[in-house]
């Protein structure tokens, strides 16, 4: 394809005006985000990160159970002191 044939494309302006360059920048950002999102969606999670999440969940449950147990003990002590 020669330069003259390229200039015949009406659907894709090839001047260097600020409007055209801004549109190209916008399109480039769109495609960059699209490829990054597709890459992120198809990326398999690692076993290490899965174990970290499971460990955090166990830690949260254990902490909440400890908080409830200590609250019950404090409530019983308060009832006995009256």
PDB file of N, CA and C in Angstrom:
ATOM      1  N   UNK A   1       0.853  -1.174   0.000  1.00  0.00           N
ATOM      2  CA  UNK A   1       0.000   0.000   0.000  1.00  0.00           C
ATOM      3  C   UNK A   1       0.900   1.239   0.000  1.00  0.00           C
ATOM      4  N   UNK A   2       0.656   2.114  -0.911  1.00  0.00           N
ATOM      5  CA  UNK A   2       1.473   3.316  -1.035  1.00  0.00           C
ATOM      6  C   UNK A   2       0.934   4.426  -0.138  1.00  0.00           C
ATOM      7  N   UNK A   3       1.724   5.458   0.012  1.00  0.00           N
ATOM      8  CA  UNK A   3       1.315   6.604   0.827  1.00  0.00           C
ATOM      9  C   UNK A   3       0.043   7.241   0.271  1.00  0.00           C
ATOM     10  N   UNK A   4      -0.086   7.287  -1.039  1.00  0.00           N
ATOM     11  CA  UNK A   4      -1.276   7.865  -1.655  1.00  0.00           C
ATOM     12  C   UNK A   4      -2.522   7.060  -1.344  1.00  0.00           C
ATOM     13  N   UNK A   5      -2.380   5.737  -1.334  1.00  0.00           N
ATOM     14  CA  UNK A   5      -3.525   4.892  -0.991  1.00  0.00           C
ATOM     15  C   UNK A   5      -3.911   5.065   0.475  1.00  0.00           C
ATOM     16  N   UNK A   6      -2.911   5.242   1.324  1.00  0.00           N
ATOM     17  CA  UNK A   6      -3.189   5.449   2.748  1.00  0.00           C
ATOM     18  C   UNK A   6      -3.948   6.744   2.985  1.00  0.00           C
ATOM     19  N   UNK A   7      -3.664   7.744   2.203  1.00  0.00           N
ATOM     20  CA  UNK A   7      -4.316   9.032   2.391  1.00  0.00           C
ATOM     21  C   UNK A   7      -5.762   9.028   1.915  1.00  0.00           C
ATOM     22  N   UNK A   8      -6.160   7.995   1.200  1.00  0.00           N
ATOM     23  CA  UNK A   8      -7.534   7.904   0.726  1.00  0.00           C
ATOM     24  C   UNK A   8      -8.492   7.355   1.782  1.00  0.00           C
ATOM     25  N   UNK A   9      -7.987   6.917   2.915  1.00  0.00           N
ATOM     26  CA  UNK A   9      -8.872   6.386   3.957  1.00  0.00           C
ATOM     27  C   UNK A   9      -9.634   7.525   4.613  1.00  0.00           C
ATOM     28  N   UNK A  10     -10.932   7.565   4.406  1.00  0.00           N
ATOM     29  CA  UNK A  10     -11.760   8.615   5.002  1.00  0.00           C
ATOM     30  C   UNK A  10     -12.156   8.249   6.432  1.00  0.00           C
ATOM     31  N   UNK A  11     -12.154   6.970   6.743  1.00  0.00           N
ATOM     32  CA  UNK A  11     -12.577   6.516   8.071  1.00  0.00           C
ATOM     33  C   UNK A  11     -11.483   6.701   9.110  1.00  0.00           C
ATOM     34  N   UNK A  12     -10.277   6.992   8.669  1.00  0.00           N
ATOM     35  CA  UNK A  12      -9.152   7.115   9.595  1.00  0.00           C
ATOM     36  C   UNK A  12      -8.329   8.318   9.188  1.00  0.00           C
ATOM     37  N   UNK A  13      -8.596   9.484   9.763  1.00  0.00           N
ATOM     38  CA  UNK A  13      -7.824  10.666   9.357  1.00  0.00           C
ATOM     39  C   UNK A  13      -6.351  10.508   9.732  1.00  0.00           C
ATOM     40  N   UNK A  14      -5.487  11.017   8.889  1.00  0.00           N
ATOM     41  CA  UNK A  14      -4.054  10.894   9.153  1.00  0.00           C
ATOM     42  C   UNK A  14      -3.352  12.247   9.168  1.00  0.00           C
ATOM     43  N   UNK A  15      -4.093  13.298   9.462  1.00  0.00           N
ATOM     44  CA  UNK A  15      -3.448  14.597   9.633  1.00  0.00           C
ATOM     45  C   UNK A  15      -2.904  14.679  11.061  1.00  0.00           C
ATOM     46  N   UNK A  16      -2.150  15.686  11.346  1.00  0.00           N
ATOM     47  CA  UNK A  16      -1.558  15.825  12.672  1.00  0.00           C
ATOM     48  C   UNK A  16      -2.234  16.915  13.489  1.00  0.00           C
ATOM     49  N   UNK A  17      -3.518  17.092  13.287  1.00  0.00           N
ATOM     50  CA  UNK A  17      -4.223  18.115  14.059  1.00  0.00           C
ATOM     51  C   UNK A  17      -4.392  17.645  15.502  1.00  0.00           C
ATOM     52  N   UNK A  18      -4.611  18.588  16.390  1.00  0.00           N
ATOM     53  CA  UNK A  18      -4.743  18.240  17.804  1.00  0.00           C
ATOM     54  C   UNK A  18      -5.972  17.375  18.054  1.00  0.00           C
ATOM     55  N   UNK A  19      -7.033  17.593  17.297  1.00  0.00           N
ATOM     56  CA  UNK A  19      -8.244  16.777  17.457  1.00  0.00           C
ATOM     57  C   UNK A  19      -7.969  15.328  17.081  1.00  0.00           C
ATOM     58  N   UNK A  20      -7.299  15.122  15.969  1.00  0.00           N
ATOM     59  CA  UNK A  20      -6.986  13.762  15.528  1.00  0.00           C
ATOM     60  C   UNK A  20      -6.053  13.083  16.516  1.00  0.00           C
ATOM     61  N   UNK A  21      -5.036  13.797  16.963  1.00  0.00           N
ATOM     62  CA  UNK A  21      -4.096  13.213  17.917  1.00  0.00           C
ATOM     63  C   UNK A  21      -4.781  12.888  19.237  1.00  0.00           C
ATOM     64  N   UNK A  22      -5.703  13.732  19.677  1.00  0.00           N
ATOM     65  CA  UNK A  22      -6.441  13.455  20.911  1.00  0.00           C
ATOM     66  C   UNK A  22      -7.300  12.205  20.758  1.00  0.00           C
ATOM     67  N   UNK A  23      -7.920  12.052  19.599  1.00  0.00           N
ATOM     68  CA  UNK A  23      -8.731  10.852  19.351  1.00  0.00           C
ATOM     69  C   UNK A  23      -7.862   9.605  19.329  1.00  0.00           C
ATOM     70  N   UNK A  24      -6.686   9.708  18.723  1.00  0.00           N
ATOM     71  CA  UNK A  24      -5.780   8.561  18.699  1.00  0.00           C
ATOM     72  C   UNK A  24      -5.316   8.214  20.113  1.00  0.00           C
ATOM     73  N   UNK A  25      -5.023   9.228  20.911  1.00  0.00           N
ATOM     74  CA  UNK A  25      -4.637   8.976  22.299  1.00  0.00           C
ATOM     75  C   UNK A  25      -5.761   8.291  23.063  1.00  0.00           C
ATOM     76  N   UNK A  26      -6.965   8.746  22.843  1.00  0.00           N
ATOM     77  CA  UNK A  26      -8.126   8.151  23.501  1.00  0.00           C
ATOM     78  C   UNK A  26      -8.302   6.692  23.078  1.00  0.00           C
ATOM     79  N   UNK A  27      -8.145   6.442  21.797  1.00  0.00           N
ATOM     80  CA  UNK A  27      -8.279   5.071  21.305  1.00  0.00           C
ATOM     81  C   UNK A  27      -7.166   4.190  21.851  1.00  0.00           C
ATOM     82  N   UNK A  28      -5.953   4.720  21.919  1.00  0.00           N
ATOM     83  CA  UNK A  28      -4.830   3.952  22.451  1.00  0.00           C
ATOM     84  C   UNK A  28      -5.064   3.605  23.918  1.00  0.00           C
ATOM     85  N   UNK A  29      -5.569   4.548  24.703  1.00  0.00           N
ATOM     86  CA  UNK A  29      -5.875   4.268  26.106  1.00  0.00           C
ATOM     87  C   UNK A  29      -6.953   3.199  26.224  1.00  0.00           C
ATOM     88  N   UNK A  30      -7.960   3.275  25.360  1.00  0.00           N
ATOM     89  CA  UNK A  30      -9.030   2.278  25.375  1.00  0.00           C
ATOM     90  C   UNK A  30      -8.471   0.879  25.132  1.00  0.00           C
ATOM     91  N   UNK A  31      -7.654   0.737  24.091  1.00  0.00           N
ATOM     92  CA  UNK A  31      -7.129  -0.582  23.766  1.00  0.00           C
ATOM     93  C   UNK A  31      -6.152  -1.056  24.826  1.00  0.00           C
ATOM     94  N   UNK A  32      -5.374  -0.153  25.412  1.00  0.00           N
ATOM     95  CA  UNK A  32      -4.446  -0.537  26.474  1.00  0.00           C
ATOM     96  C   UNK A  32      -5.213  -1.100  27.667  1.00  0.00           C
ATOM     97  N   UNK A  33      -6.283  -0.384  28.082  1.00  0.00           N
ATOM     98  CA  UNK A  33      -7.111  -0.872  29.191  1.00  0.00           C
ATOM     99  C   UNK A  33      -7.781  -2.195  28.846  1.00  0.00           C
ATOM    100  N   UNK A  34      -8.250  -2.332  27.621  1.00  0.00           N
ATOM    101  CA  UNK A  34      -8.921  -3.567  27.208  1.00  0.00           C
ATOM    102  C   UNK A  34      -7.970  -4.754  27.287  1.00  0.00           C
ATOM    103  N   UNK A  35      -6.754  -4.591  26.802  1.00  0.00           N
ATOM    104  CA  UNK A  35      -5.796  -5.693  26.854  1.00  0.00           C
ATOM    105  C   UNK A  35      -5.362  -5.991  28.282  1.00  0.00           C
ATOM    106  N   UNK A  36      -5.180  -4.957  29.099  1.00  0.00           N
ATOM    107  CA  UNK A  36      -4.805  -5.181  30.500  1.00  0.00           C
ATOM    108  C   UNK A  36      -5.908  -5.918  31.248  1.00  0.00           C
ATOM    109  N   UNK A  37      -7.171  -5.536  31.022  1.00  0.00           N
ATOM    110  CA  UNK A  37      -8.283  -6.218  31.684  1.00  0.00           C
ATOM    111  C   UNK A  37      -8.383  -7.666  31.237  1.00  0.00           C
ATOM    112  N   UNK A  38      -8.207  -7.918  29.956  1.00  0.00           N
ATOM    113  CA  UNK A  38      -8.254  -9.292  29.457  1.00  0.00           C
ATOM    114  C   UNK A  38      -7.111 -10.112  30.040  1.00  0.00           C
ATOM    115  N   UNK A  39      -5.949  -9.501  30.150  1.00  0.00           N
ATOM    116  CA  UNK A  39      -4.801 -10.195  30.722  1.00  0.00           C
ATOM    117  C   UNK A  39      -5.039 -10.515  32.189  1.00  0.00           C
ATOM    118  N   UNK A  40      -5.626  -9.570  32.910  1.00  0.00           N
ATOM    119  CA  UNK A  40      -5.889  -9.756  34.330  1.00  0.00           C
ATOM    120  C   UNK A  40      -6.944 -10.842  34.565  1.00  0.00           C
ATOM    121  N   UNK A  41      -7.961 -10.884  33.702  1.00  0.00           N
ATOM    122  CA  UNK A  41      -9.022 -11.886  33.854  1.00  0.00           C
ATOM    123  C   UNK A  41      -8.513 -13.292  33.576  1.00  0.00           C
ATOM    124  N   UNK A  42      -7.586 -13.434  32.660  1.00  0.00           N
ATOM    125  CA  UNK A  42      -7.093 -14.753  32.274  1.00  0.00           C
ATOM    126  C   UNK A  42      -5.877 -15.196  33.071  1.00  0.00           C
ATOM    127  N   UNK A  43      -5.416 -14.371  33.973  1.00  0.00           N
ATOM    128  CA  UNK A  43      -4.234 -14.714  34.757  1.00  0.00           C
ATOM    129  C   UNK A  43      -4.635 -15.689  35.860  1.00  0.00           C
ATOM    130  N   UNK A  44      -4.019 -16.857  35.912  1.00  0.00           N
ATOM    131  CA  UNK A  44      -4.374 -17.805  36.969  1.00  0.00           C
ATOM    132  C   UNK A  44      -3.844 -17.331  38.319  1.00  0.00           C
ATOM    133  N   UNK A  45      -4.608 -17.611  39.350  1.00  0.00           N
ATOM    134  CA  UNK A  45      -4.158 -17.211  40.683  1.00  0.00           C
ATOM    135  C   UNK A  45      -3.121 -18.214  41.175  1.00  0.00           C
ATOM    136  N   UNK A  46      -2.216 -17.755  41.973  1.00  0.00           N
ATOM    137  CA  UNK A  46      -1.161 -18.632  42.455  1.00  0.00           C
ATOM    138  C   UNK A  46      -1.597 -19.330  43.737  1.00  0.00           C
ATOM    139  N   UNK A  47      -1.007 -20.460  43.989  1.00  0.00           N
ATOM    140  CA  UNK A  47      -1.316 -21.246  45.181  1.00  0.00           C
ATOM    141  C   UNK A  47      -0.935 -20.474  46.439  1.00  0.00           C
ATOM    142  N   UNK A  48       0.146 -19.724  46.343  1.00  0.00           N
ATOM    143  CA  UNK A  48       0.610 -18.940  47.488  1.00  0.00           C
ATOM    144  C   UNK A  48      -0.416 -17.878  47.884  1.00  0.00           C
ATOM    145  N   UNK A  49      -0.969 -17.187  46.915  1.00  0.00           N
ATOM    146  CA  UNK A  49      -1.961 -16.158  47.236  1.00  0.00           C
ATOM    147  C   UNK A  49      -3.252 -16.787  47.754  1.00  0.00           C
ATOM    148  N   UNK A  50      -3.612 -17.967  47.231  1.00  0.00           N
ATOM    149  CA  UNK A  50      -4.796 -18.666  47.739  1.00  0.00           C
ATOM    150  C   UNK A  50      -4.613 -19.042  49.202  1.00  0.00           C
ATOM    151  N   UNK A  51      -3.440 -19.538  49.550  1.00  0.00           N
ATOM    152  CA  UNK A  51      -3.174 -19.892  50.945  1.00  0.00           C
ATOM    153  C   UNK A  51      -3.174 -18.661  51.842  1.00  0.00           C
ATOM    154  N   UNK A  52      -2.694 -17.560  51.339  1.00  0.00           N
ATOM    155  CA  UNK A  52      -2.689 -16.328  52.129  1.00  0.00           C
ATOM    156  C   UNK A  52      -4.111 -15.881  52.435  1.00  0.00           C
ATOM    157  N   UNK A  53      -5.001 -15.964  51.469  1.00  0.00           N
ATOM    158  CA  UNK A  53      -6.399 -15.573  51.689  1.00  0.00           C
ATOM    159  C   UNK A  53      -7.060 -16.514  52.690  1.00  0.00           C
ATOM    160  N   UNK A  54      -6.814 -17.805  52.557  1.00  0.00           N
ATOM    161  CA  UNK A  54      -7.387 -18.774  53.498  1.00  0.00           C
ATOM    162  C   UNK A  54      -6.862 -18.509  54.901  1.00  0.00           C
ATOM    163  N   UNK A  55      -5.579 -18.223  55.029  1.00  0.00           N
ATOM    164  CA  UNK A  55      -5.006 -17.907  56.333  1.00  0.00           C
ATOM    165  C   UNK A  55      -5.617 -16.658  56.941  1.00  0.00           C
ATOM    166  N   UNK A  56      -5.844 -15.642  56.126  1.00  0.00           N
ATOM    167  CA  UNK A  56      -6.476 -14.421  56.631  1.00  0.00           C
ATOM    168  C   UNK A  56      -7.902 -14.685  57.100  1.00  0.00           C
ATOM    169  N   UNK A  57      -8.625 -15.531  56.383  1.00  0.00           N
ATOM    170  CA  UNK A  57      -9.993 -15.863  56.787  1.00  0.00           C
ATOM    171  C   UNK A  57     -10.001 -16.615  58.118  1.00  0.00           C
ATOM    172  N   UNK A  58      -9.100 -17.589  58.280  1.00  0.00           N
ATOM    173  CA  UNK A  58      -9.011 -18.306  59.552  1.00  0.00           C
ATOM    174  C   UNK A  58      -8.657 -17.356  60.687  1.00  0.00           C
ATOM    175  N   UNK A  59      -7.750 -16.452  60.429  1.00  0.00           N
ATOM    176  CA  UNK A  59      -7.353 -15.481  61.441  1.00  0.00           C
ATOM    177  C   UNK A  59      -8.525 -14.593  61.836  1.00  0.00           C
ATOM    178  N   UNK A  60      -9.306 -14.156  60.870  1.00  0.00           N
ATOM    179  CA  UNK A  60     -10.470 -13.323  61.152  1.00  0.00           C
ATOM    180  C   UNK A  60     -11.495 -14.080  61.990  1.00  0.00           C
ATOM    181  N   UNK A  61     -11.797 -15.315  61.621  1.00  0.00           N
ATOM    182  CA  UNK A  61     -12.769 -16.121  62.370  1.00  0.00           C
ATOM    183  C   UNK A  61     -12.274 -16.356  63.790  1.00  0.00           C
ATOM    184  N   UNK A  62     -11.007 -16.705  63.950  1.00  0.00           N
ATOM    185  CA  UNK A  62     -10.446 -16.945  65.277  1.00  0.00           C
ATOM    186  C   UNK A  62     -10.506 -15.679  66.128  1.00  0.00           C
ATOM    187  N   UNK A  63     -10.186 -14.550  65.553  1.00  0.00           N
ATOM    188  CA  UNK A  63     -10.225 -13.289  66.298  1.00  0.00           C
ATOM    189  C   UNK A  63     -11.648 -12.938  66.725  1.00  0.00           C
ATOM    190  N   UNK A  64     -12.604 -13.141  65.849  1.00  0.00           N
ATOM    191  CA  UNK A  64     -13.998 -12.853  66.202  1.00  0.00           C
ATOM    192  C   UNK A  64     -14.506 -13.794  67.292  1.00  0.00           C
ATOM    193  N   UNK A  65     -14.160 -15.072  67.207  1.00  0.00           N
ATOM    194  CA  UNK A  65     -14.567 -16.021  68.249  1.00  0.00           C
ATOM    195  C   UNK A  65     -13.926 -15.669  69.589  1.00  0.00           C
ATOM    196  N   UNK A  66     -12.674 -15.265  69.574  1.00  0.00           N
ATOM    197  CA  UNK A  66     -11.998 -14.852  70.803  1.00  0.00           C
ATOM    198  C   UNK A  66     -12.668 -13.621  71.392  1.00  0.00           C
ATOM    199  N   UNK A  67     -13.021 -12.667  70.569  1.00  0.00           N
ATOM    200  CA  UNK A  67     -13.696 -11.461  71.031  1.00  0.00           C
ATOM    201  C   UNK A  67     -15.043 -11.795  71.664  1.00  0.00           C
ATOM    202  N   UNK A  68     -15.804 -12.666  71.038  1.00  0.00           N
ATOM    203  CA  UNK A  68     -17.107 -13.062  71.584  1.00  0.00           C
ATOM    204  C   UNK A  68     -16.926 -13.798  72.907  1.00  0.00           C
ATOM    205  N   UNK A  69     -15.974 -14.724  72.971  1.00  0.00           N
ATOM    206  CA  UNK A  69     -15.747 -15.485  74.200  1.00  0.00           C
ATOM    207  C   UNK A  69     -15.324 -14.564  75.337  1.00  0.00           C
ATOM    208  N   UNK A  70     -14.424 -13.644  75.083  1.00  0.00           N
ATOM    209  CA  UNK A  70     -13.982 -12.727  76.135  1.00  0.00           C
ATOM    210  C   UNK A  70     -15.109 -11.799  76.568  1.00  0.00           C
ATOM    211  N   UNK A  71     -15.948 -11.399  75.634  1.00  0.00           N
ATOM    212  CA  UNK A  71     -17.096 -10.555  75.993  1.00  0.00           C
ATOM    213  C   UNK A  71     -18.068 -11.308  76.886  1.00  0.00           C
ATOM    214  N   UNK A  72     -18.317 -12.574  76.586  1.00  0.00           N
ATOM    215  CA  UNK A  72     -19.210 -13.392  77.417  1.00  0.00           C
ATOM    216  C   UNK A  72     -18.614 -13.567  78.809  1.00  0.00           C
ATOM    217  N   UNK A  73     -17.334 -13.816  78.900  1.00  0.00           N
ATOM    218  CA  UNK A  73     -16.671 -13.982  80.203  1.00  0.00           C
ATOM    219  C   UNK A  73     -16.765 -12.694  81.010  1.00  0.00           C
ATOM    220  N   UNK A  74     -16.522 -11.553  80.377  1.00  0.00           N
ATOM    221  CA  UNK A  74     -16.622 -10.279  81.088  1.00  0.00           C
ATOM    222  C   UNK A  74     -18.052 -10.014  81.546  1.00  0.00           C
ATOM    223  N   UNK A  75     -19.027 -10.383  80.738  1.00  0.00           N
ATOM    224  CA  UNK A  75     -20.428 -10.202  81.115  1.00  0.00           C
ATOM    225  C   UNK A  75     -20.782 -11.080  82.310  1.00  0.00           C
ATOM    226  N   UNK A  76     -20.316 -12.320  82.331  1.00  0.00           N
ATOM    227  CA  UNK A  76     -20.575 -13.222  83.467  1.00  0.00           C
ATOM    228  C   UNK A  76     -19.909 -12.681  84.730  1.00  0.00           C
ATOM    229  N   UNK A  77     -18.692 -12.188  84.624  1.00  0.00           N
ATOM    230  CA  UNK A  77     -18.004 -11.605  85.784  1.00  0.00           C
ATOM    231  C   UNK A  77     -18.768 -10.389  86.298  1.00  0.00           C
ATOM    232  N   UNK A  78     -19.285  -9.594  85.403  1.00  0.00           N
ATOM    233  CA  UNK A  78     -20.045  -8.407  85.798  1.00  0.00           C
ATOM    234  C   UNK A  78     -21.331  -8.804  86.512  1.00  0.00           C
ATOM    235  N   UNK A  79     -22.007  -9.859  86.040  1.00  0.00           N
ATOM    236  CA  UNK A  79     -23.232 -10.332  86.696  1.00  0.00           C
ATOM    237  C   UNK A  79     -22.947 -10.863  88.099  1.00  0.00           C
ATOM    238  N   UNK A  80     -21.852 -11.568  88.285  1.00  0.00           N
ATOM    239  CA  UNK A  80     -21.498 -12.143  89.593  1.00  0.00           C
ATOM    240  C   UNK A  80     -21.076 -11.065  90.590  1.00  0.00           C
ATOM    241  N   UNK A  81     -20.532  -9.978  90.102  1.00  0.00           N
ATOM    242  CA  UNK A  81     -20.049  -8.941  91.021  1.00  0.00           C
ATOM    243  C   UNK A  81     -21.191  -8.144  91.638  1.00  0.00           C
ATOM    244  N   UNK A  82     -22.383  -8.229  91.106  1.00  0.00           N
ATOM    245  CA  UNK A  82     -23.508  -7.461  91.647  1.00  0.00           C
ATOM    246  C   UNK A  82     -24.119  -8.127  92.799  1.00  0.00           C
TER     247      UNK A  82
END
